[in-house]
């Protein structure tokens, strides 16, 4: 069964919540959690992922 990820501040049934921290930014990949953003792509040649440009949604 494929996983569905939720990048919003609103919980959704059946989705894994990917929390955004205003101080640390987008979460980096954590194998123990099974999700997160990588620092470099898997393309050839690999490229940096600019996670500082990933922003969270504003609380309403």
Protein backbone atom coordinates (compact mmCIF):
# COMPACT_ATOMS: atom_id res chain seq x y z
CA UNK A 1 0.00 0.00 0.00
CA UNK A 2 1.55 3.35 -1.02
CA UNK A 3 1.93 6.02 1.63
CA UNK A 4 0.26 9.40 1.34
CA UNK A 5 1.93 12.43 2.89
CA UNK A 6 0.30 15.52 4.32
CA UNK A 7 2.34 18.75 4.14
CA UNK A 8 -0.35 20.94 5.69
CA UNK A 9 -1.07 21.85 9.30
CA UNK A 10 -4.45 20.10 9.12
CA UNK A 11 -4.47 16.37 9.99
CA UNK A 12 -5.98 14.08 7.34
CA UNK A 13 -7.09 10.48 7.91
CA UNK A 14 -4.78 7.98 6.24
CA UNK A 15 -1.98 10.48 5.63
CA UNK A 16 1.44 10.70 7.29
CA UNK A 17 1.88 14.21 8.71
CA UNK A 18 5.20 15.75 7.67
CA UNK A 19 5.80 18.47 10.26
CA UNK A 20 7.42 21.77 9.32
CA UNK A 21 9.45 23.52 12.00
CA UNK A 22 9.71 27.31 11.56
CA UNK A 23 13.19 27.34 13.17
CA UNK A 24 14.68 24.22 11.52
CA UNK A 25 12.73 24.28 8.26
CA UNK A 26 11.64 21.27 6.23
CA UNK A 27 12.44 17.92 7.85
CA UNK A 28 15.44 16.09 6.38
CA UNK A 29 15.09 12.41 5.55
CA UNK A 30 15.10 10.16 8.62
CA UNK A 31 15.19 6.42 7.86
CA UNK A 32 13.59 5.60 11.21
CA UNK A 33 10.56 7.75 10.25
CA UNK A 34 10.59 6.83 6.57
CA UNK A 35 10.12 10.35 5.25
CA UNK A 36 11.82 13.70 4.85
CA UNK A 37 13.65 15.71 2.24
CA UNK A 38 17.06 14.66 0.93
CA UNK A 39 20.10 16.93 0.73
CA UNK A 40 21.02 15.75 -2.79
CA UNK A 41 19.00 14.31 -5.65
CA UNK A 42 19.55 10.82 -7.03
CA UNK A 43 20.00 12.16 -10.58
CA UNK A 44 23.21 11.91 -12.54
CA UNK A 45 24.92 14.19 -11.84
CA UNK A 46 23.41 14.65 -8.41
CA UNK A 47 22.27 18.11 -7.42
CA UNK A 48 21.81 19.92 -4.13
CA UNK A 49 18.27 20.21 -2.81
CA UNK A 50 17.70 23.71 -1.46
CA UNK A 51 15.56 22.83 1.55
CA UNK A 52 15.78 26.40 2.85
CA UNK A 53 13.42 27.34 -0.01
CA UNK A 54 10.78 24.88 1.24
CA UNK A 55 8.38 26.80 3.44
CA UNK A 56 5.53 25.70 5.68
CA UNK A 57 1.99 26.91 5.49
CA UNK A 58 0.98 29.71 7.79
CA UNK A 59 -1.27 28.78 10.70
CA UNK A 60 -4.75 30.21 10.23
